[in-house]
Amino acid sequence: WVGYRNTIIYTIFGTLYNLVLTIPAAYVMSKRNVPFGKAI
């Protein structure tokens, strides 16, 4: 039960961490006129 609790916490906050970083980065990269887009 300790493992279940920890995994739920790690999954929720870890997934939020991934989403908060990935979605804005993908939005910026989707813009064709972003500076240094190809290099990034």
Full PDB file with SEQRES, HELIX, SHEET, SSBOND, CRYST1, ORIGX, SCALE, CONECT and MASTER records, all heavy atoms in Angstrom:
SEQRES   1 A   40  TRP VAL GLY TYR ARG ASN THR ILE ILE TYR THR ILE PHE          
SEQRES   2 A   40  GLY THR LEU TYR ASN LEU VAL LEU THR ILE PRO ALA ALA          
SEQRES   3 A   40  TYR VAL MET SER LYS ARG ASN VAL PRO PHE GLY LYS ALA          
SEQRES   4 A   40  ILE                                                          
HELIX    1 AA1 VAL A    2  MET A   29  1                                  28    
CRYST1    1.000    1.000    1.000  90.00  90.00  90.00 P 1           1          
ORIGX1      1.000000  0.000000  0.000000        0.00000                         
ORIGX2      0.000000  1.000000  0.000000        0.00000                         
ORIGX3      0.000000  0.000000  1.000000        0.00000                         
SCALE1      1.000000  0.000000  0.000000        0.00000                         
SCALE2      0.000000  1.000000  0.000000        0.00000                         
SCALE3      0.000000  0.000000  1.000000        0.00000                         
ATOM      1  N   TRP A   1       0.827  -1.207   0.000  1.00  0.00           N  
ATOM      2  CA  TRP A   1       0.000   0.000   0.000  1.00  0.00           C  
ATOM      3  C   TRP A   1       0.862   1.258   0.000  1.00  0.00           C  
ATOM      4  O   TRP A   1       0.476   2.274  -0.571  1.00  0.00           O  
ATOM      5  CB  TRP A   1      -0.939  -0.026   1.193  1.00  0.00           C  
ATOM      6  CG  TRP A   1      -1.733  -1.291   1.241  1.00  0.00           C  
ATOM      7  CD1 TRP A   1      -1.616  -2.321   2.136  1.00  0.00           C  
ATOM      8  CD2 TRP A   1      -2.733  -1.693   0.291  1.00  0.00           C  
ATOM      9  NE1 TRP A   1      -2.495  -3.324   1.826  1.00  0.00           N  
ATOM     10  CE2 TRP A   1      -3.201  -2.975   0.697  1.00  0.00           C  
ATOM     11  CE3 TRP A   1      -3.285  -1.104  -0.840  1.00  0.00           C  
ATOM     12  CZ2 TRP A   1      -4.179  -3.662   0.007  1.00  0.00           C  
ATOM     13  CZ3 TRP A   1      -4.269  -1.788  -1.535  1.00  0.00           C  
ATOM     14  CH2 TRP A   1      -4.706  -3.048  -1.114  1.00  0.00           C  
ATOM     15  N   VAL A   2       2.023   1.172   0.625  1.00  0.00           N  
ATOM     16  CA  VAL A   2       2.973   2.297   0.560  1.00  0.00           C  
ATOM     17  C   VAL A   2       3.430   2.495  -0.872  1.00  0.00           C  
ATOM     18  O   VAL A   2       3.520   3.620  -1.372  1.00  0.00           O  
ATOM     19  CB  VAL A   2       4.187   2.030   1.490  1.00  0.00           C  
ATOM     20  CG1 VAL A   2       5.232   3.132   1.330  1.00  0.00           C  
ATOM     21  CG2 VAL A   2       3.739   1.927   2.937  1.00  0.00           C  
ATOM     22  N   GLY A   3       3.705   1.385  -1.554  1.00  0.00           N  
ATOM     23  CA  GLY A   3       4.123   1.466  -2.947  1.00  0.00           C  
ATOM     24  C   GLY A   3       3.042   2.044  -3.840  1.00  0.00           C  
ATOM     25  O   GLY A   3       3.329   2.858  -4.731  1.00  0.00           O  
ATOM     26  N   TYR A   4       1.794   1.642  -3.616  1.00  0.00           N  
ATOM     27  CA  TYR A   4       0.678   2.196  -4.384  1.00  0.00           C  
ATOM     28  C   TYR A   4       0.584   3.706  -4.183  1.00  0.00           C  
ATOM     29  O   TYR A   4       0.428   4.470  -5.134  1.00  0.00           O  
ATOM     30  CB  TYR A   4      -0.634   1.535  -3.967  1.00  0.00           C  
ATOM     31  CG  TYR A   4      -1.175   0.559  -4.988  1.00  0.00           C  
ATOM     32  CD1 TYR A   4      -1.305  -0.790  -4.678  1.00  0.00           C  
ATOM     33  CD2 TYR A   4      -1.563   0.986  -6.253  1.00  0.00           C  
ATOM     34  CE1 TYR A   4      -1.800  -1.694  -5.606  1.00  0.00           C  
ATOM     35  CE2 TYR A   4      -2.057   0.093  -7.184  1.00  0.00           C  
ATOM     36  CZ  TYR A   4      -2.182  -1.244  -6.853  1.00  0.00           C  
ATOM     37  OH  TYR A   4      -2.667  -2.131  -7.781  1.00  0.00           O  
ATOM     38  N   ARG A   5       0.668   4.130  -2.934  1.00  0.00           N  
ATOM     39  CA  ARG A   5       0.582   5.570  -2.644  1.00  0.00           C  
ATOM     40  C   ARG A   5       1.695   6.330  -3.332  1.00  0.00           C  
ATOM     41  O   ARG A   5       1.449   7.370  -3.978  1.00  0.00           O  
ATOM     42  CB  ARG A   5       0.667   5.783  -1.122  1.00  0.00           C  
ATOM     43  CG  ARG A   5       0.589   7.245  -0.688  1.00  0.00           C  
ATOM     44  CD  ARG A   5       1.160   7.423   0.698  1.00  0.00           C  
ATOM     45  NE  ARG A   5       2.590   7.123   0.725  1.00  0.00           N  
ATOM     46  CZ  ARG A   5       3.283   6.942   1.844  1.00  0.00           C  
ATOM     47  NH1 ARG A   5       2.682   6.974   3.025  1.00  0.00           N  
ATOM     48  NH2 ARG A   5       4.588   6.690   1.790  1.00  0.00           N  
ATOM     49  N   ASN A   6       2.921   5.835  -3.222  1.00  0.00           N  
ATOM     50  CA  ASN A   6       4.055   6.526  -3.832  1.00  0.00           C  
ATOM     51  C   ASN A   6       3.930   6.573  -5.349  1.00  0.00           C  
ATOM     52  O   ASN A   6       4.201   7.605  -5.971  1.00  0.00           O  
ATOM     53  CB  ASN A   6       5.364   5.835  -3.437  1.00  0.00           C  
ATOM     54  CG  ASN A   6       5.683   5.993  -1.967  1.00  0.00           C  
ATOM     55  OD1 ASN A   6       5.200   6.903  -1.307  1.00  0.00           O  
ATOM     56  ND2 ASN A   6       6.487   5.091  -1.442  1.00  0.00           N  
ATOM     57  N   THR A   7       3.534   5.450  -5.943  1.00  0.00           N  
ATOM     58  CA  THR A   7       3.418   5.418  -7.406  1.00  0.00           C  
ATOM     59  C   THR A   7       2.340   6.364  -7.902  1.00  0.00           C  
ATOM     60  O   THR A   7       2.508   7.019  -8.941  1.00  0.00           O  
ATOM     61  CB  THR A   7       3.130   3.978  -7.884  1.00  0.00           C  
ATOM     62  OG1 THR A   7       4.267   3.164  -7.612  1.00  0.00           O  
ATOM     63  CG2 THR A   7       2.854   3.941  -9.379  1.00  0.00           C  
ATOM     64  N   ILE A   8       1.234   6.444  -7.192  1.00  0.00           N  
ATOM     65  CA  ILE A   8       0.173   7.387  -7.582  1.00  0.00           C  
ATOM     66  C   ILE A   8       0.696   8.821  -7.540  1.00  0.00           C  
ATOM     67  O   ILE A   8       0.458   9.624  -8.450  1.00  0.00           O  
ATOM     68  CB  ILE A   8      -1.064   7.219  -6.671  1.00  0.00           C  
ATOM     69  CG1 ILE A   8      -1.744   5.878  -6.960  1.00  0.00           C  
ATOM     70  CG2 ILE A   8      -2.046   8.367  -6.874  1.00  0.00           C  
ATOM     71  CD1 ILE A   8      -2.845   5.529  -5.980  1.00  0.00           C  
ATOM     72  N   ILE A   9       1.435   9.157  -6.482  1.00  0.00           N  
ATOM     73  CA  ILE A   9       2.000  10.507  -6.364  1.00  0.00           C  
ATOM     74  C   ILE A   9       3.009  10.760  -7.480  1.00  0.00           C  
ATOM     75  O   ILE A   9       2.964  11.800  -8.156  1.00  0.00           O  
ATOM     76  CB  ILE A   9       2.665  10.683  -4.982  1.00  0.00           C  
ATOM     77  CG1 ILE A   9       1.606  10.651  -3.875  1.00  0.00           C  
ATOM     78  CG2 ILE A   9       3.456  11.998  -4.928  1.00  0.00           C  
ATOM     79  CD1 ILE A   9       2.182  10.648  -2.470  1.00  0.00           C  
ATOM     80  N   TYR A  10       3.926   9.805  -7.700  1.00  0.00           N  
ATOM     81  CA  TYR A  10       4.938   9.976  -8.749  1.00  0.00           C  
ATOM     82  C   TYR A  10       4.289  10.081 -10.120  1.00  0.00           C  
ATOM     83  O   TYR A  10       4.733  10.875 -10.970  1.00  0.00           O  
ATOM     84  CB  TYR A  10       5.920   8.805  -8.740  1.00  0.00           C  
ATOM     85  CG  TYR A  10       6.718   8.642  -7.471  1.00  0.00           C  
ATOM     86  CD1 TYR A  10       7.240   7.396  -7.094  1.00  0.00           C  
ATOM     87  CD2 TYR A  10       6.955   9.718  -6.624  1.00  0.00           C  
ATOM     88  CE1 TYR A  10       7.978   7.239  -5.942  1.00  0.00           C  
ATOM     89  CE2 TYR A  10       7.681   9.566  -5.461  1.00  0.00           C  
ATOM     90  CZ  TYR A  10       8.191   8.330  -5.117  1.00  0.00           C  
ATOM     91  OH  TYR A  10       8.925   8.181  -3.960  1.00  0.00           O  
ATOM     92  N   THR A  11       3.252   9.294 -10.362  1.00  0.00           N  
ATOM     93  CA  THR A  11       2.606   9.296 -11.674  1.00  0.00           C  
ATOM     94  C   THR A  11       1.871  10.606 -11.926  1.00  0.00           C  
ATOM     95  O   THR A  11       1.993  11.197 -13.009  1.00  0.00           O  
ATOM     96  CB  THR A  11       1.620   8.120 -11.783  1.00  0.00           C  
ATOM     97  OG1 THR A  11       2.336   6.886 -11.624  1.00  0.00           O  
ATOM     98  CG2 THR A  11       0.929   8.111 -13.128  1.00  0.00           C  
ATOM     99  N   ILE A  12       1.128  11.080 -10.944  1.00  0.00           N  
ATOM    100  CA  ILE A  12       0.350  12.313 -11.129  1.00  0.00           C  
ATOM    101  C   ILE A  12       1.277  13.506 -11.345  1.00  0.00           C  
ATOM    102  O   ILE A  12       1.161  14.232 -12.348  1.00  0.00           O  
ATOM    103  CB  ILE A  12      -0.570  12.558  -9.919  1.00  0.00           C  
ATOM    104  CG1 ILE A  12      -1.686  11.507  -9.889  1.00  0.00           C  
ATOM    105  CG2 ILE A  12      -1.170  13.970  -9.972  1.00  0.00           C  
ATOM    106  CD1 ILE A  12      -2.561  11.577  -8.659  1.00  0.00           C  
ATOM    107  N   PHE A  13       2.213  13.703 -10.427  1.00  0.00           N  
ATOM    108  CA  PHE A  13       3.071  14.887 -10.522  1.00  0.00           C  
ATOM    109  C   PHE A  13       4.117  14.749 -11.633  1.00  0.00           C  
ATOM    110  O   PHE A  13       4.475  15.739 -12.274  1.00  0.00           O  
ATOM    111  CB  PHE A  13       3.745  15.161  -9.176  1.00  0.00           C  
ATOM    112  CG  PHE A  13       2.801  15.675  -8.126  1.00  0.00           C  
ATOM    113  CD1 PHE A  13       2.280  14.823  -7.168  1.00  0.00           C  
ATOM    114  CD2 PHE A  13       2.398  16.997  -8.124  1.00  0.00           C  
ATOM    115  CE1 PHE A  13       1.397  15.289  -6.207  1.00  0.00           C  
ATOM    116  CE2 PHE A  13       1.520  17.482  -7.168  1.00  0.00           C  
ATOM    117  CZ  PHE A  13       1.014  16.618  -6.205  1.00  0.00           C  
ATOM    118  N   GLY A  14       4.588  13.537 -11.871  1.00  0.00           N  
ATOM    119  CA  GLY A  14       5.537  13.331 -12.966  1.00  0.00           C  
ATOM    120  C   GLY A  14       4.891  13.560 -14.320  1.00  0.00           C  
ATOM    121  O   GLY A  14       5.502  14.160 -15.218  1.00  0.00           O  
ATOM    122  N   THR A  15       3.647  13.115 -14.476  1.00  0.00           N  
ATOM    123  CA  THR A  15       2.932  13.341 -15.732  1.00  0.00           C  
ATOM    124  C   THR A  15       2.647  14.820 -15.941  1.00  0.00           C  
ATOM    125  O   THR A  15       2.798  15.342 -17.057  1.00  0.00           O  
ATOM    126  CB  THR A  15       1.614  12.537 -15.739  1.00  0.00           C  
ATOM    127  OG1 THR A  15       1.910  11.140 -15.573  1.00  0.00           O  
ATOM    128  CG2 THR A  15       0.866  12.740 -17.038  1.00  0.00           C  
ATOM    129  N   LEU A  16       2.249  15.510 -14.883  1.00  0.00           N  
ATOM    130  CA  LEU A  16       2.040  16.960 -14.984  1.00  0.00           C  
ATOM    131  C   LEU A  16       3.327  17.669 -15.376  1.00  0.00           C  
ATOM    132  O   LEU A  16       3.319  18.604 -16.196  1.00  0.00           O  
ATOM    133  CB  LEU A  16       1.517  17.512 -13.652  1.00  0.00           C  
ATOM    134  CG  LEU A  16       0.060  17.207 -13.313  1.00  0.00           C  
ATOM    135  CD1 LEU A  16      -0.274  17.696 -11.904  1.00  0.00           C  
ATOM    136  CD2 LEU A  16      -0.884  17.848 -14.323  1.00  0.00           C  
ATOM    137  N   TYR A  17       4.427  17.228 -14.806  1.00  0.00           N  
ATOM    138  CA  TYR A  17       5.742  17.787 -15.138  1.00  0.00           C  
ATOM    139  C   TYR A  17       6.041  17.613 -16.623  1.00  0.00           C  
ATOM    140  O   TYR A  17       6.478  18.558 -17.301  1.00  0.00           O  
ATOM    141  CB  TYR A  17       6.794  17.090 -14.270  1.00  0.00           C  
ATOM    142  CG  TYR A  17       8.230  17.401 -14.603  1.00  0.00           C  
ATOM    143  CD1 TYR A  17       8.812  18.616 -14.257  1.00  0.00           C  
ATOM    144  CD2 TYR A  17       9.025  16.454 -15.242  1.00  0.00           C  
ATOM    145  CE1 TYR A  17      10.137  18.884 -14.541  1.00  0.00           C  
ATOM    146  CE2 TYR A  17      10.353  16.710 -15.527  1.00  0.00           C  
ATOM    147  CZ  TYR A  17      10.910  17.924 -15.177  1.00  0.00           C  
ATOM    148  OH  TYR A  17      12.221  18.182 -15.470  1.00  0.00           O  
ATOM    149  N   ASN A  18       5.780  16.426 -17.156  1.00  0.00           N  
ATOM    150  CA  ASN A  18       5.991  16.173 -18.582  1.00  0.00           C  
ATOM    151  C   ASN A  18       5.077  17.026 -19.452  1.00  0.00           C  
ATOM    152  O   ASN A  18       5.518  17.580 -20.472  1.00  0.00           O  
ATOM    153  CB  ASN A  18       5.749  14.694 -18.903  1.00  0.00           C  
ATOM    154  CG  ASN A  18       6.792  13.782 -18.285  1.00  0.00           C  
ATOM    155  OD1 ASN A  18       6.469  12.764 -17.689  1.00  0.00           O  
ATOM    156  ND2 ASN A  18       8.059  14.139 -18.397  1.00  0.00           N  
ATOM    157  N   LEU A  19       3.812  17.144 -19.072  1.00  0.00           N  
ATOM    158  CA  LEU A  19       2.854  17.903 -19.879  1.00  0.00           C  
ATOM    159  C   LEU A  19       3.187  19.388 -19.886  1.00  0.00           C  
ATOM    160  O   LEU A  19       3.119  20.045 -20.937  1.00  0.00           O  
ATOM    161  CB  LEU A  19       1.427  17.692 -19.345  1.00  0.00           C  
ATOM    162  CG  LEU A  19       0.852  16.282 -19.456  1.00  0.00           C  
ATOM    163  CD1 LEU A  19      -0.547  16.237 -18.848  1.00  0.00           C  
ATOM    164  CD2 LEU A  19       0.806  15.822 -20.904  1.00  0.00           C  
ATOM    165  N   VAL A  20       3.553  19.917 -18.729  1.00  0.00           N  
ATOM    166  CA  VAL A  20       3.846  21.351 -18.621  1.00  0.00           C  
ATOM    167  C   VAL A  20       5.050  21.727 -19.485  1.00  0.00           C  
ATOM    168  O   VAL A  20       5.115  22.842 -20.028  1.00  0.00           O  
ATOM    169  CB  VAL A  20       4.080  21.732 -17.145  1.00  0.00           C  
ATOM    170  CG1 VAL A  20       4.705  23.114 -17.020  1.00  0.00           C  
ATOM    171  CG2 VAL A  20       2.760  21.693 -16.381  1.00  0.00           C  
ATOM    172  N   LEU A  21       5.998  20.813 -19.637  1.00  0.00           N  
ATOM    173  CA  LEU A  21       7.175  21.092 -20.469  1.00  0.00           C  
ATOM    174  C   LEU A  21       6.934  20.774 -21.947  1.00  0.00           C  
ATOM    175  O   LEU A  21       7.397  21.507 -22.821  1.00  0.00           O  
ATOM    176  CB  LEU A  21       8.368  20.290 -19.959  1.00  0.00           C  
ATOM    177  CG  LEU A  21       8.909  20.660 -18.569  1.00  0.00           C  
ATOM    178  CD1 LEU A  21      10.082  19.773 -18.208  1.00  0.00           C  
ATOM    179  CD2 LEU A  21       9.317  22.113 -18.505  1.00  0.00           C  
ATOM    180  N   THR A  22       6.233  19.688 -22.221  1.00  0.00           N  
ATOM    181  CA  THR A  22       6.100  19.219 -23.602  1.00  0.00           C  
ATOM    182  C   THR A  22       5.123  20.058 -24.418  1.00  0.00           C  
ATOM    183  O   THR A  22       5.426  20.430 -25.565  1.00  0.00           O  
ATOM    184  CB  THR A  22       5.651  17.746 -23.625  1.00  0.00           C  
ATOM    185  OG1 THR A  22       6.601  16.955 -22.916  1.00  0.00           O  
ATOM    186  CG2 THR A  22       5.527  17.236 -25.052  1.00  0.00           C  
ATOM    187  N   ILE A  23       3.954  20.373 -23.872  1.00  0.00           N  
ATOM    188  CA  ILE A  23       2.909  21.046 -24.655  1.00  0.00           C  
ATOM    189  C   ILE A  23       3.329  22.452 -25.088  1.00  0.00           C  
ATOM    190  O   ILE A  23       3.211  22.794 -26.275  1.00  0.00           O  
ATOM    191  CB  ILE A  23       1.581  21.068 -23.871  1.00  0.00           C  
ATOM    192  CG1 ILE A  23       1.085  19.626 -23.682  1.00  0.00           C  
ATOM    193  CG2 ILE A  23       0.530  21.894 -24.593  1.00  0.00           C  
ATOM    194  CD1 ILE A  23      -0.127  19.510 -22.802  1.00  0.00           C  
ATOM    195  N   PRO A  24       3.834  23.323 -24.196  1.00  0.00           N  
ATOM    196  CA  PRO A  24       4.301  24.634 -24.677  1.00  0.00           C  
ATOM    197  C   PRO A  24       5.444  24.527 -25.682  1.00  0.00           C  
ATOM    198  O   PRO A  24       5.491  25.285 -26.657  1.00  0.00           O  
ATOM    199  CB  PRO A  24       4.746  25.346 -23.396  1.00  0.00           C  
ATOM    200  CG  PRO A  24       4.035  24.651 -22.297  1.00  0.00           C  
ATOM    201  CD  PRO A  24       3.929  23.227 -22.731  1.00  0.00           C  
ATOM    202  N   ALA A  25       6.375  23.577 -25.446  1.00  0.00           N  
ATOM    203  CA  ALA A  25       7.489  23.412 -26.383  1.00  0.00           C  
ATOM    204  C   ALA A  25       6.980  22.991 -27.759  1.00  0.00           C  
ATOM    205  O   ALA A  25       7.441  23.494 -28.797  1.00  0.00           O  
ATOM    206  CB  ALA A  25       8.472  22.372 -25.850  1.00  0.00           C  
ATOM    207  N   ALA A  26       6.005  22.089 -27.800  1.00  0.00           N  
ATOM    208  CA  ALA A  26       5.451  21.643 -29.082  1.00  0.00           C  
ATOM    209  C   ALA A  26       4.702  22.771 -29.779  1.00  0.00           C  
ATOM    210  O   ALA A  26       4.764  22.900 -31.011  1.00  0.00           O  
ATOM    211  CB  ALA A  26       4.515  20.462 -28.849  1.00  0.00           C  
ATOM    212  N   TYR A  27       4.013  23.602 -29.015  1.00  0.00           N  
ATOM    213  CA  TYR A  27       3.286  24.738 -29.603  1.00  0.00           C  
ATOM    214  C   TYR A  27       4.269  25.702 -30.264  1.00  0.00           C  
ATOM    215  O   TYR A  27       4.043  26.167 -31.393  1.00  0.00           O  
ATOM    216  CB  TYR A  27       2.480  25.451 -28.526  1.00  0.00           C  
ATOM    217  CG  TYR A  27       1.811  26.715 -29.012  1.00  0.00           C  
ATOM    218  CD1 TYR A  27       0.642  26.654 -29.760  1.00  0.00           C  
ATOM    219  CD2 TYR A  27       2.354  27.969 -28.724  1.00  0.00           C  
ATOM    220  CE1 TYR A  27       0.022  27.812 -30.223  1.00  0.00           C  
ATOM    221  CE2 TYR A  27       1.742  29.119 -29.171  1.00  0.00           C  
ATOM    222  CZ  TYR A  27       0.578  29.040 -29.914  1.00  0.00           C  
ATOM    223  OH  TYR A  27      -0.019  30.195 -30.372  1.00  0.00           O  
ATOM    224  N   VAL A  28       5.354  25.989 -29.579  1.00  0.00           N  
ATOM    225  CA  VAL A  28       6.358  26.890 -30.149  1.00  0.00           C  
ATOM    226  C   VAL A  28       6.977  26.284 -31.399  1.00  0.00           C  
ATOM    227  O   VAL A  28       7.149  26.964 -32.426  1.00  0.00           O  
ATOM    228  CB  VAL A  28       7.449  27.205 -29.096  1.00  0.00           C  
ATOM    229  CG1 VAL A  28       8.600  27.969 -29.732  1.00  0.00           C  
ATOM    230  CG2 VAL A  28       6.861  27.996 -27.936  1.00  0.00           C  
ATOM    231  N   MET A  29       7.304  24.988 -31.347  1.00  0.00           N  
ATOM    232  CA  MET A  29       7.926  24.331 -32.487  1.00  0.00           C  
ATOM    233  C   MET A  29       6.974  24.209 -33.678  1.00  0.00           C  
ATOM    234  O   MET A  29       7.412  24.031 -34.814  1.00  0.00           O  
ATOM    235  CB  MET A  29       8.415  22.935 -32.085  1.00  0.00           C  
ATOM    236  CG  MET A  29       9.524  22.940 -31.052  1.00  0.00           C  
ATOM    237  SD  MET A  29      10.999  23.805 -31.637  1.00  0.00           S  
ATOM    238  CE  MET A  29      11.436  22.799 -33.033  1.00  0.00           C  
ATOM    239  N   SER A  30       5.672  24.298 -33.427  1.00  0.00           N  
ATOM    240  CA  SER A  30       4.702  24.199 -34.526  1.00  0.00           C  
ATOM    241  C   SER A  30       4.634  25.477 -35.351  1.00  0.00           C  
ATOM    242  O   SER A  30       4.082  25.474 -36.459  1.00  0.00           O  
ATOM    243  CB  SER A  30       3.310  23.867 -33.972  1.00  0.00           C  
ATOM    244  OG  SER A  30       2.766  24.965 -33.245  1.00  0.00           O  
ATOM    245  N   LYS A  31       5.189  26.554 -34.830  1.00  0.00           N  
ATOM    246  CA  LYS A  31       5.189  27.831 -35.554  1.00  0.00           C  
ATOM    247  C   LYS A  31       6.330  27.838 -36.569  1.00  0.00           C  
ATOM    248  O   LYS A  31       7.491  27.614 -36.210  1.00  0.00           O  
ATOM    249  CB  LYS A  31       5.359  29.003 -34.573  1.00  0.00           C  
ATOM    250  CG  LYS A  31       4.245  29.097 -33.530  1.00  0.00           C  
ATOM    251  CD  LYS A  31       2.897  29.327 -34.181  1.00  0.00           C  
ATOM    252  CE  LYS A  31       1.791  29.443 -33.158  1.00  0.00           C  
ATOM    253  NZ  LYS A  31       0.479  29.688 -33.773  1.00  0.00           N  
ATOM    254  N   ARG A  32       6.005  28.109 -37.814  1.00  0.00           N  
ATOM    255  CA  ARG A  32       7.002  28.024 -38.885  1.00  0.00           C  
ATOM    256  C   ARG A  32       8.004  29.179 -38.859  1.00  0.00           C  
ATOM    257  O   ARG A  32       9.077  29.080 -39.427  1.00  0.00           O  
ATOM    258  CB  ARG A  32       6.296  27.973 -40.245  1.00  0.00           C  
ATOM    259  CG  ARG A  32       5.336  26.795 -40.359  1.00  0.00           C  
ATOM    260  CD  ARG A  32       4.803  26.627 -41.758  1.00  0.00           C  
ATOM    261  NE  ARG A  32       3.793  25.579 -41.821  1.00  0.00           N  
ATOM    262  CZ  ARG A  32       4.057  24.281 -41.879  1.00  0.00           C  
ATOM    263  NH1 ARG A  32       5.317  23.874 -41.885  1.00  0.00           N  
ATOM    264  NH2 ARG A  32       3.085  23.383 -41.926  1.00  0.00           N  
ATOM    265  N   ASN A  33       7.637  30.285 -38.215  1.00  0.00           N  
ATOM    266  CA  ASN A  33       8.532  31.439 -38.212  1.00  0.00           C  
ATOM    267  C   ASN A  33       9.305  31.590 -36.904  1.00  0.00           C  
ATOM    268  O   ASN A  33       9.857  32.649 -36.631  1.00  0.00           O  
ATOM    269  CB  ASN A  33       7.731  32.724 -38.476  1.00  0.00           C  
ATOM    270  CG  ASN A  33       6.624  32.937 -37.435  1.00  0.00           C  
ATOM    271  OD1 ASN A  33       6.333  32.034 -36.652  1.00  0.00           O  
ATOM    272  ND2 ASN A  33       6.018  34.118 -37.425  1.00  0.00           N  
ATOM    273  N   VAL A  34       9.352  30.539 -36.088  1.00  0.00           N  
ATOM    274  CA  VAL A  34      10.083  30.643 -34.828  1.00  0.00           C  
ATOM    275  C   VAL A  34      11.587  30.732 -35.115  1.00  0.00           C  
ATOM    276  O   VAL A  34      12.113  29.980 -35.938  1.00  0.00           O  
ATOM    277  CB  VAL A  34       9.754  29.437 -33.914  1.00  0.00           C  
ATOM    278  CG1 VAL A  34      10.201  28.130 -34.546  1.00  0.00           C  
ATOM    279  CG2 VAL A  34      10.406  29.590 -32.547  1.00  0.00           C  
ATOM    280  N   PRO A  35      12.305  31.640 -34.475  1.00  0.00           N  
ATOM    281  CA  PRO A  35      13.754  31.774 -34.712  1.00  0.00           C  
ATOM    282  C   PRO A  35      14.509  30.500 -34.316  1.00  0.00           C  
ATOM    283  O   PRO A  35      14.223  29.904 -33.278  1.00  0.00           O  
ATOM    284  CB  PRO A  35      14.148  32.961 -33.820  1.00  0.00           C  
ATOM    285  CG  PRO A  35      12.883  33.711 -33.588  1.00  0.00           C  
ATOM    286  CD  PRO A  35      11.795  32.695 -33.577  1.00  0.00           C  
ATOM    287  N   PHE A  36      15.442  30.110 -35.178  1.00  0.00           N  
ATOM    288  CA  PHE A  36      16.279  28.926 -34.934  1.00  0.00           C  
ATOM    289  C   PHE A  36      15.439  27.655 -34.728  1.00  0.00           C  
ATOM    290  O   PHE A  36      15.823  26.755 -33.983  1.00  0.00           O  
ATOM    291  CB  PHE A  36      17.193  29.144 -33.721  1.00  0.00           C  
ATOM    292  CG  PHE A  36      17.992  30.400 -33.766  1.00  0.00           C  
ATOM    293  CD1 PHE A  36      17.688  31.469 -32.936  1.00  0.00           C  
ATOM    294  CD2 PHE A  36      19.052  30.536 -34.658  1.00  0.00           C  
ATOM    295  CE1 PHE A  36      18.415  32.635 -32.978  1.00  0.00           C  
ATOM    296  CE2 PHE A  36      19.790  31.698 -34.710  1.00  0.00           C  
ATOM    297  CZ  PHE A  36      19.471  32.762 -33.871  1.00  0.00           C  
ATOM    298  N   GLY A  37      14.279  27.603 -35.384  1.00  0.00           N  
ATOM    299  CA  GLY A  37      13.380  26.463 -35.205  1.00  0.00           C  
ATOM    300  C   GLY A  37      14.013  25.141 -35.606  1.00  0.00           C  
ATOM    301  O   GLY A  37      13.891  24.139 -34.889  1.00  0.00           O  
ATOM    302  N   LYS A  38      14.707  25.119 -36.737  1.00  0.00           N  
ATOM    303  CA  LYS A  38      15.337  23.881 -37.187  1.00  0.00           C  
ATOM    304  C   LYS A  38      16.444  23.423 -36.240  1.00  0.00           C  
ATOM    305  O   LYS A  38      16.593  22.230 -35.958  1.00  0.00           O  
ATOM    306  CB  LYS A  38      15.894  24.059 -38.593  1.00  0.00           C  
ATOM    307  CG  LYS A  38      14.818  24.162 -39.677  1.00  0.00           C  
ATOM    308  CD  LYS A  38      15.445  24.215 -41.062  1.00  0.00           C  
ATOM    309  CE  LYS A  38      14.365  24.264 -42.140  1.00  0.00           C  
ATOM    310  NZ  LYS A  38      14.950  24.307 -43.514  1.00  0.00           N  
ATOM    311  N   ALA A  39      17.222  24.387 -35.757  1.00  0.00           N  
ATOM    312  CA  ALA A  39      18.308  24.040 -34.834  1.00  0.00           C  
ATOM    313  C   ALA A  39      17.744  23.471 -33.529  1.00  0.00           C  
ATOM    314  O   ALA A  39      18.277  22.489 -32.986  1.00  0.00           O  
ATOM    315  CB  ALA A  39      19.152  25.275 -34.548  1.00  0.00           C  
ATOM    316  N   ILE A  40      16.663  24.065 -33.035  1.00  0.00           N  
ATOM    317  CA  ILE A  40      16.043  23.575 -31.799  1.00  0.00           C  
ATOM    318  C   ILE A  40      15.478  22.174 -32.018  1.00  0.00           C  
ATOM    319  O   ILE A  40      15.600  21.293 -31.160  1.00  0.00           O  
ATOM    320  CB  ILE A  40      14.940  24.544 -31.331  1.00  0.00           C  
ATOM    321  CG1 ILE A  40      15.549  25.910 -30.985  1.00  0.00           C  
ATOM    322  CG2 ILE A  40      14.203  23.979 -30.120  1.00  0.00           C  
ATOM    323  CD1 ILE A  40      14.513  26.983 -30.686  1.00  0.00           C  
TER     324      ILE A  40                                                      
MASTER        0    0    0    1    0    0    0    6  323    1    0    4          
END                                                                             
